[in-house]
Amino acid sequence: LPGNGSLVLFRSLPFLPLAPRKIEEIKDFLLTARRKDAKSVKIKKNKDNVKFKVRCSRYLYTLVITDKEKAEKLKQSLPPGLAVKELK
């Protein structure tokens, strides 16, 4: 049945991998990190930039900062209850 095949496809849609979301502003990242569904933050340091990745229930949100001093300030501003992991 053609209708049955489309139903199976529709039911499998929630399990497709979702693209990560990019955040442009530090203020927006802090608001996202304070959400109750935010689980953890990973900080990836490169020679050119620092990436902050916050895991929420649906998406992984990423903020890229090129200024090392701003990155350090943001690290200090993260919510205290959030698990923070630094990656090299």
PDB file of N, CA and C in Angstrom:
ATOM      1  N   LEU A   1       0.830  -1.195   0.000  1.00  0.00           N
ATOM      2  CA  LEU A   1       0.000   0.000   0.000  1.00  0.00           C
ATOM      3  C   LEU A   1       0.872   1.255   0.000  1.00  0.00           C
ATOM      4  N   PRO A   2       0.629   2.198  -0.889  1.00  0.00           N
ATOM      5  CA  PRO A   2       1.460   3.412  -0.923  1.00  0.00           C
ATOM      6  C   PRO A   2       1.311   4.274   0.325  1.00  0.00           C
ATOM      7  N   GLY A   3       0.139   4.338   0.890  1.00  0.00           N
ATOM      8  CA  GLY A   3      -0.077   5.142   2.095  1.00  0.00           C
ATOM      9  C   GLY A   3       0.697   4.604   3.284  1.00  0.00           C
ATOM     10  N   ASN A   4       0.830   3.294   3.366  1.00  0.00           N
ATOM     11  CA  ASN A   4       1.526   2.662   4.483  1.00  0.00           C
ATOM     12  C   ASN A   4       3.015   3.013   4.477  1.00  0.00           C
ATOM     13  N   GLY A   5       3.637   3.030   3.303  1.00  0.00           N
ATOM     14  CA  GLY A   5       5.061   3.358   3.208  1.00  0.00           C
ATOM     15  C   GLY A   5       5.358   4.775   3.655  1.00  0.00           C
ATOM     16  N   SER A   6       4.489   5.714   3.311  1.00  0.00           N
ATOM     17  CA  SER A   6       4.715   7.099   3.724  1.00  0.00           C
ATOM     18  C   SER A   6       4.522   7.260   5.226  1.00  0.00           C
ATOM     19  N   LEU A   7       3.662   6.437   5.808  1.00  0.00           N
ATOM     20  CA  LEU A   7       3.453   6.493   7.256  1.00  0.00           C
ATOM     21  C   LEU A   7       4.723   6.060   7.988  1.00  0.00           C
ATOM     22  N   VAL A   8       5.380   5.020   7.496  1.00  0.00           N
ATOM     23  CA  VAL A   8       6.620   4.542   8.114  1.00  0.00           C
ATOM     24  C   VAL A   8       7.696   5.621   8.007  1.00  0.00           C
ATOM     25  N   LEU A   9       7.791   6.276   6.843  1.00  0.00           N
ATOM     26  CA  LEU A   9       8.767   7.346   6.656  1.00  0.00           C
ATOM     27  C   LEU A   9       8.493   8.494   7.625  1.00  0.00           C
ATOM     28  N   PHE A  10       7.229   8.855   7.774  1.00  0.00           N
ATOM     29  CA  PHE A  10       6.859   9.946   8.676  1.00  0.00           C
ATOM     30  C   PHE A  10       7.204   9.607  10.121  1.00  0.00           C
ATOM     31  N   ARG A  11       7.000   8.375  10.528  1.00  0.00           N
ATOM     32  CA  ARG A  11       7.269   7.985  11.914  1.00  0.00           C
ATOM     33  C   ARG A  11       8.761   7.965  12.211  1.00  0.00           C
ATOM     34  N   SER A  12       9.601   7.754  11.205  1.00  0.00           N
ATOM     35  CA  SER A  12      11.044   7.695  11.455  1.00  0.00           C
ATOM     36  C   SER A  12      11.692   9.086  11.441  1.00  0.00           C
ATOM     37  N   LEU A  13      10.961  10.129  11.050  1.00  0.00           N
ATOM     38  CA  LEU A  13      11.546  11.469  10.971  1.00  0.00           C
ATOM     39  C   LEU A  13      12.141  11.987  12.274  1.00  0.00           C
ATOM     40  N   PRO A  14      11.525  11.781  13.446  1.00  0.00           N
ATOM     41  CA  PRO A  14      12.135  12.330  14.665  1.00  0.00           C
ATOM     42  C   PRO A  14      13.508  11.743  14.989  1.00  0.00           C
ATOM     43  N   PHE A  15      13.886  10.641  14.360  1.00  0.00           N
ATOM     44  CA  PHE A  15      15.152   9.991  14.683  1.00  0.00           C
ATOM     45  C   PHE A  15      16.258  10.357  13.707  1.00  0.00           C
ATOM     46  N   LEU A  16      15.970  11.241  12.756  1.00  0.00           N
ATOM     47  CA  LEU A  16      17.014  11.684  11.840  1.00  0.00           C
ATOM     48  C   LEU A  16      17.992  12.584  12.585  1.00  0.00           C
ATOM     49  N   PRO A  17      19.282  12.539  12.233  1.00  0.00           N
ATOM     50  CA  PRO A  17      20.240  13.415  12.918  1.00  0.00           C
ATOM     51  C   PRO A  17      19.934  14.878  12.619  1.00  0.00           C
ATOM     52  N   LEU A  18      20.062  15.726  13.625  1.00  0.00           N
ATOM     53  CA  LEU A  18      19.762  17.141  13.487  1.00  0.00           C
ATOM     54  C   LEU A  18      21.053  17.935  13.392  1.00  0.00           C
ATOM     55  N   ALA A  19      21.037  18.945  12.559  1.00  0.00           N
ATOM     56  CA  ALA A  19      22.218  19.790  12.398  1.00  0.00           C
ATOM     57  C   ALA A  19      22.418  20.643  13.648  1.00  0.00           C
ATOM     58  N   PRO A  20      23.667  20.877  14.051  1.00  0.00           N
ATOM     59  CA  PRO A  20      23.900  21.759  15.197  1.00  0.00           C
ATOM     60  C   PRO A  20      23.509  23.195  14.861  1.00  0.00           C
ATOM     61  N   ARG A  21      23.243  23.971  15.876  1.00  0.00           N
ATOM     62  CA  ARG A  21      22.842  25.362  15.705  1.00  0.00           C
ATOM     63  C   ARG A  21      24.018  26.272  16.055  1.00  0.00           C
ATOM     64  N   LYS A  22      24.208  27.316  15.262  1.00  0.00           N
ATOM     65  CA  LYS A  22      25.284  28.268  15.520  1.00  0.00           C
ATOM     66  C   LYS A  22      24.697  29.513  16.172  1.00  0.00           C
ATOM     67  N   ILE A  23      25.350  29.980  17.226  1.00  0.00           N
ATOM     68  CA  ILE A  23      24.952  31.203  17.917  1.00  0.00           C
ATOM     69  C   ILE A  23      26.011  32.255  17.616  1.00  0.00           C
ATOM     70  N   GLU A  24      25.569  33.454  17.250  1.00  0.00           N
ATOM     71  CA  GLU A  24      26.501  34.514  16.853  1.00  0.00           C
ATOM     72  C   GLU A  24      26.893  35.424  18.017  1.00  0.00           C
ATOM     73  N   GLU A  25      25.991  35.614  18.987  1.00  0.00           N
ATOM     74  CA  GLU A  25      26.210  36.589  20.061  1.00  0.00           C
ATOM     75  C   GLU A  25      26.478  35.906  21.399  1.00  0.00           C
ATOM     76  N   ILE A  26      27.395  36.470  22.189  1.00  0.00           N
ATOM     77  CA  ILE A  26      27.723  35.931  23.514  1.00  0.00           C
ATOM     78  C   ILE A  26      26.498  35.968  24.417  1.00  0.00           C
ATOM     79  N   LYS A  27      25.737  37.050  24.331  1.00  0.00           N
ATOM     80  CA  LYS A  27      24.543  37.207  25.164  1.00  0.00           C
ATOM     81  C   LYS A  27      23.532  36.080  24.901  1.00  0.00           C
ATOM     82  N   ASP A  28      23.333  35.759  23.625  1.00  0.00           N
ATOM     83  CA  ASP A  28      22.406  34.679  23.266  1.00  0.00           C
ATOM     84  C   ASP A  28      22.918  33.328  23.762  1.00  0.00           C
ATOM     85  N   PHE A  29      24.245  33.134  23.717  1.00  0.00           N
ATOM     86  CA  PHE A  29      24.818  31.882  24.207  1.00  0.00           C
ATOM     87  C   PHE A  29      24.580  31.730  25.709  1.00  0.00           C
ATOM     88  N   LEU A  30      24.769  32.814  26.456  1.00  0.00           N
ATOM     89  CA  LEU A  30      24.556  32.755  27.906  1.00  0.00           C
ATOM     90  C   LEU A  30      23.095  32.462  28.237  1.00  0.00           C
ATOM     91  N   LEU A  31      22.174  33.045  27.479  1.00  0.00           N
ATOM     92  CA  LEU A  31      20.752  32.750  27.689  1.00  0.00           C
ATOM     93  C   LEU A  31      20.461  31.275  27.414  1.00  0.00           C
ATOM     94  N   THR A  32      21.072  30.729  26.373  1.00  0.00           N
ATOM     95  CA  THR A  32      20.891  29.310  26.046  1.00  0.00           C
ATOM     96  C   THR A  32      21.493  28.428  27.135  1.00  0.00           C
ATOM     97  N   ALA A  33      22.659  28.806  27.652  1.00  0.00           N
ATOM     98  CA  ALA A  33      23.320  28.012  28.692  1.00  0.00           C
ATOM     99  C   ALA A  33      22.531  28.025  30.001  1.00  0.00           C
ATOM    100  N   ARG A  34      21.724  29.064  30.219  1.00  0.00           N
ATOM    101  CA  ARG A  34      20.924  29.159  31.444  1.00  0.00           C
ATOM    102  C   ARG A  34      19.593  28.427  31.346  1.00  0.00           C
ATOM    103  N   ARG A  35      19.260  27.930  30.171  1.00  0.00           N
ATOM    104  CA  ARG A  35      17.996  27.206  30.023  1.00  0.00           C
ATOM    105  C   ARG A  35      18.009  25.942  30.866  1.00  0.00           C
ATOM    106  N   LYS A  36      16.827  25.512  31.288  1.00  0.00           N
ATOM    107  CA  LYS A  36      16.780  24.346  32.183  1.00  0.00           C
ATOM    108  C   LYS A  36      17.094  23.041  31.453  1.00  0.00           C
ATOM    109  N   ASP A  37      16.988  23.014  30.120  1.00  0.00           N
ATOM    110  CA  ASP A  37      17.324  21.788  29.388  1.00  0.00           C
ATOM    111  C   ASP A  37      18.793  21.741  28.967  1.00  0.00           C
ATOM    112  N   ALA A  38      19.588  22.760  29.327  1.00  0.00           N
ATOM    113  CA  ALA A  38      21.023  22.752  29.021  1.00  0.00           C
ATOM    114  C   ALA A  38      21.723  21.773  29.960  1.00  0.00           C
ATOM    115  N   LYS A  39      22.445  20.806  29.373  1.00  0.00           N
ATOM    116  CA  LYS A  39      23.056  19.746  30.175  1.00  0.00           C
ATOM    117  C   LYS A  39      24.531  20.004  30.477  1.00  0.00           C
ATOM    118  N   SER A  40      25.282  20.403  29.449  1.00  0.00           N
ATOM    119  CA  SER A  40      26.723  20.562  29.640  1.00  0.00           C
ATOM    120  C   SER A  40      27.294  21.531  28.611  1.00  0.00           C
ATOM    121  N   VAL A  41      28.508  22.010  28.901  1.00  0.00           N
ATOM    122  CA  VAL A  41      29.237  22.882  27.978  1.00  0.00           C
ATOM    123  C   VAL A  41      30.602  22.264  27.729  1.00  0.00           C
ATOM    124  N   LYS A  42      30.987  22.198  26.455  1.00  0.00           N
ATOM    125  CA  LYS A  42      32.331  21.764  26.088  1.00  0.00           C
ATOM    126  C   LYS A  42      33.048  22.962  25.480  1.00  0.00           C
ATOM    127  N   ILE A  43      34.299  23.148  25.887  1.00  0.00           N
ATOM    128  CA  ILE A  43      35.106  24.264  25.393  1.00  0.00           C
ATOM    129  C   ILE A  43      36.268  23.680  24.593  1.00  0.00           C
ATOM    130  N   LYS A  44      36.314  24.001  23.300  1.00  0.00           N
ATOM    131  CA  LYS A  44      37.386  23.520  22.420  1.00  0.00           C
ATOM    132  C   LYS A  44      38.283  24.694  22.062  1.00  0.00           C
ATOM    133  N   LYS A  45      39.555  24.582  22.419  1.00  0.00           N
ATOM    134  CA  LYS A  45      40.511  25.659  22.138  1.00  0.00           C
ATOM    135  C   LYS A  45      41.387  25.281  20.950  1.00  0.00           C
ATOM    136  N   ASN A  46      41.462  26.191  19.975  1.00  0.00           N
ATOM    137  CA  ASN A  46      42.372  26.070  18.841  1.00  0.00           C
ATOM    138  C   ASN A  46      43.331  27.250  18.892  1.00  0.00           C
ATOM    139  N   LYS A  47      44.283  27.279  17.970  1.00  0.00           N
ATOM    140  CA  LYS A  47      45.185  28.434  17.953  1.00  0.00           C
ATOM    141  C   LYS A  47      44.484  29.686  17.431  1.00  0.00           C
ATOM    142  N   ASP A  48      43.446  29.516  16.615  1.00  0.00           N
ATOM    143  CA  ASP A  48      42.750  30.660  16.020  1.00  0.00           C
ATOM    144  C   ASP A  48      41.528  31.109  16.806  1.00  0.00           C
ATOM    145  N   ASN A  49      40.828  30.164  17.456  1.00  0.00           N
ATOM    146  CA  ASN A  49      39.573  30.517  18.118  1.00  0.00           C
ATOM    147  C   ASN A  49      39.265  29.572  19.276  1.00  0.00           C
ATOM    148  N   VAL A  50      38.197  29.896  19.986  1.00  0.00           N
ATOM    149  CA  VAL A  50      37.689  29.050  21.069  1.00  0.00           C
ATOM    150  C   VAL A  50      36.224  28.774  20.760  1.00  0.00           C
ATOM    151  N   LYS A  51      35.835  27.497  20.790  1.00  0.00           N
ATOM    152  CA  LYS A  51      34.449  27.121  20.510  1.00  0.00           C
ATOM    153  C   LYS A  51      33.773  26.680  21.804  1.00  0.00           C
ATOM    154  N   PHE A  52      32.631  27.267  22.070  1.00  0.00           N
ATOM    155  CA  PHE A  52      31.805  26.885  23.213  1.00  0.00           C
ATOM    156  C   PHE A  52      30.609  26.121  22.669  1.00  0.00           C
ATOM    157  N   LYS A  53      30.408  24.903  23.159  1.00  0.00           N
ATOM    158  CA  LYS A  53      29.308  24.067  22.681  1.00  0.00           C
ATOM    159  C   LYS A  53      28.426  23.696  23.861  1.00  0.00           C
ATOM    160  N   VAL A  54      27.165  24.115  23.827  1.00  0.00           N
ATOM    161  CA  VAL A  54      26.234  23.785  24.910  1.00  0.00           C
ATOM    162  C   VAL A  54      25.246  22.743  24.388  1.00  0.00           C
ATOM    163  N   ARG A  55      25.110  21.654  25.145  1.00  0.00           N
ATOM    164  CA  ARG A  55      24.207  20.562  24.781  1.00  0.00           C
ATOM    165  C   ARG A  55      22.863  20.800  25.448  1.00  0.00           C
ATOM    166  N   CYS A  56      21.848  21.023  24.633  1.00  0.00           N
ATOM    167  CA  CYS A  56      20.480  21.122  25.135  1.00  0.00           C
ATOM    168  C   CYS A  56      19.733  19.864  24.707  1.00  0.00           C
ATOM    169  N   SER A  57      18.462  19.762  25.067  1.00  0.00           N
ATOM    170  CA  SER A  57      17.742  18.516  24.828  1.00  0.00           C
ATOM    171  C   SER A  57      17.627  18.189  23.342  1.00  0.00           C
ATOM    172  N   ARG A  58      17.469  19.193  22.497  1.00  0.00           N
ATOM    173  CA  ARG A  58      17.282  18.911  21.075  1.00  0.00           C
ATOM    174  C   ARG A  58      18.508  19.218  20.217  1.00  0.00           C
ATOM    175  N   TYR A  59      19.168  20.327  20.461  1.00  0.00           N
ATOM    176  CA  TYR A  59      20.276  20.758  19.609  1.00  0.00           C
ATOM    177  C   TYR A  59      21.559  20.955  20.404  1.00  0.00           C
ATOM    178  N   LEU A  60      22.673  20.917  19.673  1.00  0.00           N
ATOM    179  CA  LEU A  60      23.972  21.309  20.204  1.00  0.00           C
ATOM    180  C   LEU A  60      24.250  22.707  19.646  1.00  0.00           C
ATOM    181  N   TYR A  61      24.309  23.696  20.521  1.00  0.00           N
ATOM    182  CA  TYR A  61      24.509  25.085  20.109  1.00  0.00           C
ATOM    183  C   TYR A  61      25.989  25.435  20.219  1.00  0.00           C
ATOM    184  N   THR A  62      26.524  26.099  19.191  1.00  0.00           N
ATOM    185  CA  THR A  62      27.947  26.426  19.139  1.00  0.00           C
ATOM    186  C   THR A  62      28.157  27.927  18.982  1.00  0.00           C
ATOM    187  N   LEU A  63      29.094  28.451  19.773  1.00  0.00           N
ATOM    188  CA  LEU A  63      29.530  29.844  19.656  1.00  0.00           C
ATOM    189  C   LEU A  63      31.033  29.830  19.417  1.00  0.00           C
ATOM    190  N   VAL A  64      31.492  30.546  18.393  1.00  0.00           N
ATOM    191  CA  VAL A  64      32.919  30.624  18.078  1.00  0.00           C
ATOM    192  C   VAL A  64      33.411  32.022  18.431  1.00  0.00           C
ATOM    193  N   ILE A  65      34.466  32.084  19.258  1.00  0.00           N
ATOM    194  CA  ILE A  65      35.048  33.363  19.686  1.00  0.00           C
ATOM    195  C   ILE A  65      36.516  33.386  19.271  1.00  0.00           C
ATOM    196  N   THR A  66      36.920  34.476  18.625  1.00  0.00           N
ATOM    197  CA  THR A  66      38.321  34.593  18.199  1.00  0.00           C
ATOM    198  C   THR A  66      39.171  35.342  19.220  1.00  0.00           C
ATOM    199  N   ASP A  67      38.533  36.097  20.110  1.00  0.00           N
ATOM    200  CA  ASP A  67      39.242  36.868  21.138  1.00  0.00           C
ATOM    201  C   ASP A  67      39.415  36.007  22.398  1.00  0.00           C
ATOM    202  N   LYS A  68      40.664  35.711  22.752  1.00  0.00           N
ATOM    203  CA  LYS A  68      40.941  34.827  23.901  1.00  0.00           C
ATOM    204  C   LYS A  68      40.469  35.426  25.228  1.00  0.00           C
ATOM    205  N   GLU A  69      40.572  36.751  25.370  1.00  0.00           N
ATOM    206  CA  GLU A  69      40.141  37.397  26.622  1.00  0.00           C
ATOM    207  C   GLU A  69      38.626  37.307  26.794  1.00  0.00           C
ATOM    208  N   LYS A  70      37.893  37.515  25.707  1.00  0.00           N
ATOM    209  CA  LYS A  70      36.434  37.384  25.770  1.00  0.00           C
ATOM    210  C   LYS A  70      36.045  35.947  26.099  1.00  0.00           C
ATOM    211  N   ALA A  71      36.792  34.994  25.554  1.00  0.00           N
ATOM    212  CA  ALA A  71      36.513  33.583  25.817  1.00  0.00           C
ATOM    213  C   ALA A  71      36.704  33.268  27.300  1.00  0.00           C
ATOM    214  N   GLU A  72      37.741  33.836  27.896  1.00  0.00           N
ATOM    215  CA  GLU A  72      37.995  33.602  29.324  1.00  0.00           C
ATOM    216  C   GLU A  72      36.896  34.223  30.180  1.00  0.00           C
ATOM    217  N   LYS A  73      36.441  35.419  29.804  1.00  0.00           N
ATOM    218  CA  LYS A  73      35.344  36.070  30.533  1.00  0.00           C
ATOM    219  C   LYS A  73      34.063  35.257  30.426  1.00  0.00           C
ATOM    220  N   LEU A  74      33.800  34.728  29.229  1.00  0.00           N
ATOM    221  CA  LEU A  74      32.594  33.917  29.033  1.00  0.00           C
ATOM    222  C   LEU A  74      32.661  32.649  29.877  1.00  0.00           C
ATOM    223  N   LYS A  75      33.836  32.062  29.957  1.00  0.00           N
ATOM    224  CA  LYS A  75      34.013  30.848  30.771  1.00  0.00           C
ATOM    225  C   LYS A  75      33.671  31.131  32.234  1.00  0.00           C
ATOM    226  N   GLN A  76      34.071  32.305  32.734  1.00  0.00           N
ATOM    227  CA  GLN A  76      33.762  32.677  34.115  1.00  0.00           C
ATOM    228  C   GLN A  76      32.271  32.969  34.300  1.00  0.00           C
ATOM    229  N   SER A  77      31.585  33.347  33.220  1.00  0.00           N
ATOM    230  CA  SER A  77      30.173  33.738  33.302  1.00  0.00           C
ATOM    231  C   SER A  77      29.201  32.573  33.163  1.00  0.00           C
ATOM    232  N   LEU A  78      29.720  31.379  32.894  1.00  0.00           N
ATOM    233  CA  LEU A  78      28.822  30.232  32.710  1.00  0.00           C
ATOM    234  C   LEU A  78      28.104  29.899  34.013  1.00  0.00           C
ATOM    235  N   PRO A  79      26.874  29.401  33.932  1.00  0.00           N
ATOM    236  CA  PRO A  79      26.119  29.062  35.148  1.00  0.00           C
ATOM    237  C   PRO A  79      26.858  28.030  35.998  1.00  0.00           C
ATOM    238  N   PRO A  80      26.848  28.195  37.324  1.00  0.00           N
ATOM    239  CA  PRO A  80      27.632  27.314  38.201  1.00  0.00           C
ATOM    240  C   PRO A  80      27.178  25.851  38.207  1.00  0.00           C
ATOM    241  N   GLY A  81      25.909  25.573  37.979  1.00  0.00           N
ATOM    242  CA  GLY A  81      25.431  24.190  38.031  1.00  0.00           C
ATOM    243  C   GLY A  81      25.686  23.385  36.774  1.00  0.00           C
ATOM    244  N   LEU A  82      26.217  24.024  35.743  1.00  0.00           N
ATOM    245  CA  LEU A  82      26.407  23.377  34.449  1.00  0.00           C
ATOM    246  C   LEU A  82      27.746  22.645  34.402  1.00  0.00           C
ATOM    247  N   ALA A  83      27.737  21.421  33.870  1.00  0.00           N
ATOM    248  CA  ALA A  83      28.975  20.649  33.734  1.00  0.00           C
ATOM    249  C   ALA A  83      29.809  21.249  32.603  1.00  0.00           C
ATOM    250  N   VAL A  84      31.052  21.635  32.918  1.00  0.00           N
ATOM    251  CA  VAL A  84      31.939  22.243  31.919  1.00  0.00           C
ATOM    252  C   VAL A  84      33.119  21.315  31.686  1.00  0.00           C
ATOM    253  N   LYS A  85      33.369  20.993  30.405  1.00  0.00           N
ATOM    254  CA  LYS A  85      34.489  20.119  30.055  1.00  0.00           C
ATOM    255  C   LYS A  85      35.355  20.844  29.037  1.00  0.00           C
ATOM    256  N   GLU A  86      36.650  20.948  29.341  1.00  0.00           N
ATOM    257  CA  GLU A  86      37.576  21.603  28.415  1.00  0.00           C
ATOM    258  C   GLU A  86      38.274  20.559  27.568  1.00  0.00           C
ATOM    259  N   LEU A  87      38.209  20.733  26.249  1.00  0.00           N
ATOM    260  CA  LEU A  87      38.869  19.834  25.308  1.00  0.00           C
ATOM    261  C   LEU A  87      40.028  20.576  24.664  1.00  0.00           C
ATOM    262  N   LYS A  88      41.082  19.855  24.340  1.00  0.00           N
ATOM    263  CA  LYS A  88      42.245  20.500  23.715  1.00  0.00           C
ATOM    264  C   LYS A  88      42.174  20.361  22.217  1.00  0.00           C
TER     265      LYS A  88
END
